[in-house]
Amino acid sequence: MSIVQNPDPMKNRRTGKELEAAILQAVREELNEVGYSNLSMNGVAQRAGTSKAVLYRRWANRAEIVLAAIRERVPLPLEEVPNCGNLRDDVCGVLRVMNKNTTEVMMHAFYGLVTEIGPMPLASLLFPEGRHNRTMKIVLQRAVERGEIAAEAVTPRMLTMPGDLARNELILYNGPMSEQTIAEIVDECYLPLILKR
């Protein structure tokens, strides 16, 4: 009779950034399936294949873990910053990714977070260490290097405007932006301003 040995669980054990990424992905999936009001630490732990104790070592409650899942995508990972070869397509690309990320997470969590955390500026929720605008800095610096815009055109407001306009649409209508809306933000609002500077 042969004895079947179970694999060493320590060999498959995730730690550090790998574990955290799995947990935050589980949070996004739970939000999509059950919404914020039904999201539980137990459900996230089960989906991530870990324990509630592991979650509570990192985050004190549901609001904190959901905020972590939102903040993980702000700013975009460097490899996801669009580089289409022209400013218009790059800004549209940034707004498309923002649209997807916000629809997947923020739309399912925003009102629940506001209720649970209480009145505080949205900027404090999304950017607890202040706004760095890294994604748009990269996009606009590339546009400067291509000669599409002048370096002086890259002002703090030009860095934040596309995201602010998109965020307004997303929160105001509580749903994803259409391609037409993204194009209107870029073509009718943003490009005319930044190209004339």
C-alpha atoms as a PDB file:
ATOM      1  CA  MET A   1       0.000   0.000   0.000  1.00  0.00           C
ATOM      2  CA  SER A   2       1.472   3.326  -1.049  1.00  0.00           C
ATOM      3  CA  ILE A   3       1.017   6.455   0.965  1.00  0.00           C
ATOM      4  CA  VAL A   4       0.084   9.572  -0.995  1.00  0.00           C
ATOM      5  CA  GLN A   5       1.901  12.515   0.456  1.00  0.00           C
ATOM      6  CA  ASN A   6       0.338  15.930   0.440  1.00  0.00           C
ATOM      7  CA  PRO A   7       2.529  18.617  -1.068  1.00  0.00           C
ATOM      8  CA  ASP A   8       4.243  20.883   1.395  1.00  0.00           C
ATOM      9  CA  PRO A   9       1.817  23.786   1.924  1.00  0.00           C
ATOM     10  CA  MET A  10       4.730  26.112   2.669  1.00  0.00           C
ATOM     11  CA  LYS A  11       6.004  25.657  -0.898  1.00  0.00           C
ATOM     12  CA  ASN A  12       2.780  27.112  -2.343  1.00  0.00           C
ATOM     13  CA  ARG A  13       2.356  29.751   0.302  1.00  0.00           C
ATOM     14  CA  ARG A  14       2.128  33.293  -1.045  1.00  0.00           C
ATOM     15  CA  THR A  15       3.662  36.161   0.849  1.00  0.00           C
ATOM     16  CA  GLY A  16       4.320  39.851   0.501  1.00  0.00           C
ATOM     17  CA  LYS A  17       3.278  41.579  -2.715  1.00  0.00           C
ATOM     18  CA  GLU A  18       2.038  38.377  -4.354  1.00  0.00           C
ATOM     19  CA  LEU A  19      -0.372  37.690  -1.497  1.00  0.00           C
ATOM     20  CA  GLU A  20      -1.491  41.303  -1.309  1.00  0.00           C
ATOM     21  CA  ALA A  21      -2.183  41.394  -5.069  1.00  0.00           C
ATOM     22  CA  ALA A  22      -4.276  38.222  -4.769  1.00  0.00           C
ATOM     23  CA  ILE A  23      -6.243  39.689  -1.865  1.00  0.00           C
ATOM     24  CA  LEU A  24      -6.939  42.986  -3.627  1.00  0.00           C
ATOM     25  CA  GLN A  25      -7.998  41.128  -6.765  1.00  0.00           C
ATOM     26  CA  ALA A  26     -10.362  39.097  -4.581  1.00  0.00           C
ATOM     27  CA  VAL A  27     -11.789  42.362  -3.200  1.00  0.00           C
ATOM     28  CA  ARG A  28     -12.498  43.611  -6.736  1.00  0.00           C
ATOM     29  CA  GLU A  29     -14.157  40.325  -7.693  1.00  0.00           C
ATOM     30  CA  GLU A  30     -16.277  40.314  -4.532  1.00  0.00           C
ATOM     31  CA  LEU A  31     -17.368  43.900  -5.164  1.00  0.00           C
ATOM     32  CA  ASN A  32     -18.434  42.960  -8.683  1.00  0.00           C
ATOM     33  CA  GLU A  33     -20.394  39.943  -7.495  1.00  0.00           C
ATOM     34  CA  VAL A  34     -21.942  40.987  -4.188  1.00  0.00           C
ATOM     35  CA  GLY A  35     -21.493  44.775  -3.964  1.00  0.00           C
ATOM     36  CA  TYR A  36     -20.118  46.774  -1.074  1.00  0.00           C
ATOM     37  CA  SER A  37     -22.986  46.209   1.347  1.00  0.00           C
ATOM     38  CA  ASN A  38     -22.581  42.417   1.140  1.00  0.00           C
ATOM     39  CA  LEU A  39     -18.792  42.323   0.968  1.00  0.00           C
ATOM     40  CA  SER A  40     -17.250  40.604   3.981  1.00  0.00           C
ATOM     41  CA  MET A  41     -13.713  39.943   5.138  1.00  0.00           C
ATOM     42  CA  ASN A  42     -14.600  36.249   5.237  1.00  0.00           C
ATOM     43  CA  GLY A  43     -15.746  36.274   1.608  1.00  0.00           C
ATOM     44  CA  VAL A  44     -12.565  38.059   0.502  1.00  0.00           C
ATOM     45  CA  ALA A  45     -10.386  35.636   2.468  1.00  0.00           C
ATOM     46  CA  GLN A  46     -12.099  32.602   0.958  1.00  0.00           C
ATOM     47  CA  ARG A  47     -11.812  33.966  -2.574  1.00  0.00           C
ATOM     48  CA  ALA A  48      -8.142  34.851  -2.062  1.00  0.00           C
ATOM     49  CA  GLY A  49      -7.380  31.450  -0.545  1.00  0.00           C
ATOM     50  CA  THR A  50      -6.161  32.875   2.738  1.00  0.00           C
ATOM     51  CA  SER A  51      -7.495  33.514   6.234  1.00  0.00           C
ATOM     52  CA  LYS A  52      -9.340  36.410   7.830  1.00  0.00           C
ATOM     53  CA  ALA A  53      -6.451  36.748  10.274  1.00  0.00           C
ATOM     54  CA  VAL A  54      -4.122  37.530   7.353  1.00  0.00           C
ATOM     55  CA  LEU A  55      -6.495  40.258   6.174  1.00  0.00           C
ATOM     56  CA  TYR A  56      -6.865  41.793   9.613  1.00  0.00           C
ATOM     57  CA  ARG A  57      -3.087  41.983  10.013  1.00  0.00           C
ATOM     58  CA  ARG A  58      -3.060  44.403   7.060  1.00  0.00           C
ATOM     59  CA  TRP A  59      -6.451  46.147   7.144  1.00  0.00           C
ATOM     60  CA  ALA A  60      -8.636  46.957  10.144  1.00  0.00           C
ATOM     61  CA  ASN A  61     -11.987  46.644   8.378  1.00  0.00           C
ATOM     62  CA  ARG A  62     -13.916  46.354   5.133  1.00  0.00           C
ATOM     63  CA  ALA A  63     -13.571  50.050   4.268  1.00  0.00           C
ATOM     64  CA  GLU A  64      -9.778  49.925   4.543  1.00  0.00           C
ATOM     65  CA  ILE A  65      -9.399  46.853   2.353  1.00  0.00           C
ATOM     66  CA  VAL A  66     -11.710  48.292  -0.317  1.00  0.00           C
ATOM     67  CA  LEU A  67      -9.786  51.566  -0.289  1.00  0.00           C
ATOM     68  CA  ALA A  68      -6.576  49.578  -0.742  1.00  0.00           C
ATOM     69  CA  ALA A  69      -8.083  47.838  -3.781  1.00  0.00           C
ATOM     70  CA  ILE A  70      -9.025  51.216  -5.261  1.00  0.00           C
ATOM     71  CA  ARG A  71      -5.687  52.855  -4.520  1.00  0.00           C
ATOM     72  CA  GLU A  72      -3.736  49.970  -6.016  1.00  0.00           C
ATOM     73  CA  ARG A  73      -4.837  51.213  -9.455  1.00  0.00           C
ATOM     74  CA  VAL A  74      -4.082  54.896  -8.756  1.00  0.00           C
ATOM     75  CA  PRO A  75      -1.782  55.819 -10.378  1.00  0.00           C
ATOM     76  CA  LEU A  76      -1.680  53.305 -13.204  1.00  0.00           C
ATOM     77  CA  PRO A  77       1.172  50.818 -13.156  1.00  0.00           C
ATOM     78  CA  LEU A  78       3.898  52.165 -15.448  1.00  0.00           C
ATOM     79  CA  GLU A  79       3.476  49.360 -17.962  1.00  0.00           C
ATOM     80  CA  GLU A  80      -0.192  50.311 -18.414  1.00  0.00           C
ATOM     81  CA  VAL A  81       0.361  54.001 -19.217  1.00  0.00           C
ATOM     82  CA  PRO A  82      -0.818  54.345 -22.841  1.00  0.00           C
ATOM     83  CA  ASN A  83       1.845  55.113 -25.457  1.00  0.00           C
ATOM     84  CA  CYS A  84      -0.034  55.308 -28.764  1.00  0.00           C
ATOM     85  CA  GLY A  85       2.246  57.827 -30.453  1.00  0.00           C
ATOM     86  CA  ASN A  86      -0.032  60.866 -30.175  1.00  0.00           C
ATOM     87  CA  LEU A  87      -1.527  62.910 -27.362  1.00  0.00           C
ATOM     88  CA  ARG A  88      -5.179  62.389 -28.261  1.00  0.00           C
ATOM     89  CA  ASP A  89      -5.013  58.604 -28.277  1.00  0.00           C
ATOM     90  CA  ASP A  90      -2.889  58.541 -25.127  1.00  0.00           C
ATOM     91  CA  VAL A  91      -5.376  60.674 -23.166  1.00  0.00           C
ATOM     92  CA  CYS A  92      -8.301  58.626 -24.499  1.00  0.00           C
ATOM     93  CA  GLY A  93      -6.404  55.507 -23.405  1.00  0.00           C
ATOM     94  CA  VAL A  94      -5.895  56.890 -19.891  1.00  0.00           C
ATOM     95  CA  LEU A  95      -9.621  57.637 -19.614  1.00  0.00           C
ATOM     96  CA  ARG A  96     -10.556  54.179 -20.921  1.00  0.00           C
ATOM     97  CA  VAL A  97      -8.435  52.510 -18.234  1.00  0.00           C
ATOM     98  CA  MET A  98      -9.844  54.867 -15.602  1.00  0.00           C
ATOM     99  CA  ASN A  99     -13.349  54.046 -16.847  1.00  0.00           C
ATOM    100  CA  LYS A 100     -12.687  50.304 -16.530  1.00  0.00           C
ATOM    101  CA  ASN A 101     -11.028  50.528 -13.107  1.00  0.00           C
ATOM    102  CA  THR A 102     -13.671  52.846 -11.687  1.00  0.00           C
ATOM    103  CA  THR A 103     -16.532  50.775 -13.048  1.00  0.00           C
ATOM    104  CA  GLU A 104     -15.049  47.545 -11.666  1.00  0.00           C
ATOM    105  CA  VAL A 105     -14.345  48.853  -8.186  1.00  0.00           C
ATOM    106  CA  MET A 106     -15.363  52.386  -7.359  1.00  0.00           C
ATOM    107  CA  MET A 107     -18.909  52.201  -8.716  1.00  0.00           C
ATOM    108  CA  HIS A 108     -19.609  49.230  -6.455  1.00  0.00           C
ATOM    109  CA  ALA A 109     -18.028  50.825  -3.412  1.00  0.00           C
ATOM    110  CA  PHE A 110     -18.275  54.608  -3.488  1.00  0.00           C
ATOM    111  CA  TYR A 111     -21.609  55.185  -1.766  1.00  0.00           C
ATOM    112  CA  GLY A 112     -21.000  52.417   0.767  1.00  0.00           C
ATOM    113  CA  LEU A 113     -17.593  53.875   1.596  1.00  0.00           C
ATOM    114  CA  VAL A 114     -19.009  57.366   2.018  1.00  0.00           C
ATOM    115  CA  THR A 115     -21.700  56.005   4.339  1.00  0.00           C
ATOM    116  CA  GLU A 116     -19.245  53.942   6.372  1.00  0.00           C
ATOM    117  CA  ILE A 117     -16.370  56.418   6.587  1.00  0.00           C
ATOM    118  CA  GLY A 118     -18.434  59.567   6.827  1.00  0.00           C
ATOM    119  CA  PRO A 119     -18.004  62.913   5.109  1.00  0.00           C
ATOM    120  CA  MET A 120     -14.487  63.374   3.845  1.00  0.00           C
ATOM    121  CA  PRO A 121     -13.148  64.715   0.554  1.00  0.00           C
ATOM    122  CA  LEU A 122     -12.962  62.186  -2.267  1.00  0.00           C
ATOM    123  CA  ALA A 123      -9.383  63.345  -2.848  1.00  0.00           C
ATOM    124  CA  SER A 124      -8.482  62.142   0.651  1.00  0.00           C
ATOM    125  CA  LEU A 125      -9.915  58.717  -0.095  1.00  0.00           C
ATOM    126  CA  LEU A 126      -8.183  58.314  -3.445  1.00  0.00           C
ATOM    127  CA  PHE A 127      -4.968  60.232  -2.836  1.00  0.00           C
ATOM    128  CA  PRO A 128      -4.107  60.059   0.882  1.00  0.00           C
ATOM    129  CA  GLU A 129      -0.556  61.265   0.184  1.00  0.00           C
ATOM    130  CA  GLY A 130      -1.625  63.969  -2.258  1.00  0.00           C
ATOM    131  CA  ARG A 131      -2.075  63.910  -6.001  1.00  0.00           C
ATOM    132  CA  HIS A 132       1.063  63.115  -7.952  1.00  0.00           C
ATOM    133  CA  ASN A 133      -0.525  62.853 -11.426  1.00  0.00           C
ATOM    134  CA  ARG A 134       2.206  60.467 -12.529  1.00  0.00           C
ATOM    135  CA  THR A 135       0.193  58.989 -15.390  1.00  0.00           C
ATOM    136  CA  MET A 136      -0.604  62.319 -17.027  1.00  0.00           C
ATOM    137  CA  LYS A 137       2.931  63.615 -16.395  1.00  0.00           C
ATOM    138  CA  ILE A 138       4.243  60.703 -18.445  1.00  0.00           C
ATOM    139  CA  VAL A 139       1.648  61.211 -21.195  1.00  0.00           C
ATOM    140  CA  LEU A 140       2.267  64.964 -21.440  1.00  0.00           C
ATOM    141  CA  GLN A 141       6.054  64.637 -21.270  1.00  0.00           C
ATOM    142  CA  ARG A 142       5.918  62.294 -24.242  1.00  0.00           C
ATOM    143  CA  ALA A 143       3.734  64.832 -26.071  1.00  0.00           C
ATOM    144  CA  VAL A 144       6.301  67.550 -25.328  1.00  0.00           C
ATOM    145  CA  GLU A 145       9.116  65.325 -26.621  1.00  0.00           C
ATOM    146  CA  ARG A 146       7.140  64.669 -29.835  1.00  0.00           C
ATOM    147  CA  GLY A 147       6.603  68.398 -30.300  1.00  0.00           C
ATOM    148  CA  GLU A 148       2.810  68.186 -29.961  1.00  0.00           C
ATOM    149  CA  ILE A 149       2.589  70.637 -27.065  1.00  0.00           C
ATOM    150  CA  ALA A 150       4.841  73.238 -25.465  1.00  0.00           C
ATOM    151  CA  ALA A 151       6.509  72.415 -22.155  1.00  0.00           C
ATOM    152  CA  GLU A 152       4.763  75.452 -20.610  1.00  0.00           C
ATOM    153  CA  ALA A 153       1.420  73.836 -21.370  1.00  0.00           C
ATOM    154  CA  VAL A 154       2.051  71.207 -18.698  1.00  0.00           C
ATOM    155  CA  THR A 155       0.451  72.979 -15.745  1.00  0.00           C
ATOM    156  CA  PRO A 156      -1.058  71.424 -12.608  1.00  0.00           C
ATOM    157  CA  ARG A 157      -4.586  71.942 -13.989  1.00  0.00           C
ATOM    158  CA  MET A 158      -3.707  70.351 -17.343  1.00  0.00           C
ATOM    159  CA  LEU A 159      -2.414  67.328 -15.425  1.00  0.00           C
ATOM    160  CA  THR A 160      -5.655  66.848 -13.505  1.00  0.00           C
ATOM    161  CA  MET A 161      -8.336  68.028 -15.939  1.00  0.00           C
ATOM    162  CA  PRO A 162      -9.018  64.845 -17.967  1.00  0.00           C
ATOM    163  CA  GLY A 163      -9.302  62.682 -14.856  1.00  0.00           C
ATOM    164  CA  ASP A 164     -11.420  65.250 -13.036  1.00  0.00           C
ATOM    165  CA  LEU A 165     -13.862  65.549 -15.933  1.00  0.00           C
ATOM    166  CA  ALA A 166     -14.073  61.761 -16.247  1.00  0.00           C
ATOM    167  CA  ARG A 167     -14.518  61.281 -12.506  1.00  0.00           C
ATOM    168  CA  ASN A 168     -17.361  63.793 -12.535  1.00  0.00           C
ATOM    169  CA  GLU A 169     -19.128  61.816 -15.275  1.00  0.00           C
ATOM    170  CA  LEU A 170     -18.608  58.509 -13.492  1.00  0.00           C
ATOM    171  CA  ILE A 171     -19.874  59.710 -10.125  1.00  0.00           C
ATOM    172  CA  LEU A 172     -22.657  61.910 -11.503  1.00  0.00           C
ATOM    173  CA  TYR A 173     -24.163  59.123 -13.605  1.00  0.00           C
ATOM    174  CA  ASN A 174     -23.031  56.171 -11.450  1.00  0.00           C
ATOM    175  CA  GLY A 175     -22.022  54.137 -14.478  1.00  0.00           C
ATOM    176  CA  PRO A 176     -19.326  53.718 -17.100  1.00  0.00           C
ATOM    177  CA  MET A 177     -18.591  56.423 -19.648  1.00  0.00           C
ATOM    178  CA  SER A 178     -19.370  55.739 -23.295  1.00  0.00           C
ATOM    179  CA  GLU A 179     -16.695  56.002 -25.967  1.00  0.00           C
ATOM    180  CA  GLN A 180     -18.513  59.125 -27.161  1.00  0.00           C
ATOM    181  CA  THR A 181     -18.201  60.728 -23.727  1.00  0.00           C
ATOM    182  CA  ILE A 182     -14.484  59.940 -23.578  1.00  0.00           C
ATOM    183  CA  ALA A 183     -14.002  61.430 -27.064  1.00  0.00           C
ATOM    184  CA  GLU A 184     -15.979  64.561 -26.122  1.00  0.00           C
ATOM    185  CA  ILE A 185     -13.916  65.123 -22.970  1.00  0.00           C
ATOM    186  CA  VAL A 186     -10.691  64.837 -24.953  1.00  0.00           C
ATOM    187  CA  ASP A 187     -11.681  66.516 -28.227  1.00  0.00           C
ATOM    188  CA  GLU A 188     -14.033  69.253 -27.050  1.00  0.00           C
ATOM    189  CA  CYS A 189     -12.621  70.127 -23.636  1.00  0.00           C
ATOM    190  CA  TYR A 190      -9.030  69.015 -23.136  1.00  0.00           C
ATOM    191  CA  LEU A 191      -7.208  69.235 -26.469  1.00  0.00           C
ATOM    192  CA  PRO A 192      -8.489  72.709 -27.418  1.00  0.00           C
ATOM    193  CA  LEU A 193      -7.162  74.058 -24.119  1.00  0.00           C
ATOM    194  CA  ILE A 194      -3.782  72.357 -23.978  1.00  0.00           C
ATOM    195  CA  LEU A 195      -2.954  72.808 -27.676  1.00  0.00           C
ATOM    196  CA  LYS A 196      -3.485  76.566 -27.610  1.00  0.00           C
ATOM    197  CA  ARG A 197      -1.183  77.178 -24.645  1.00  0.00           C
END
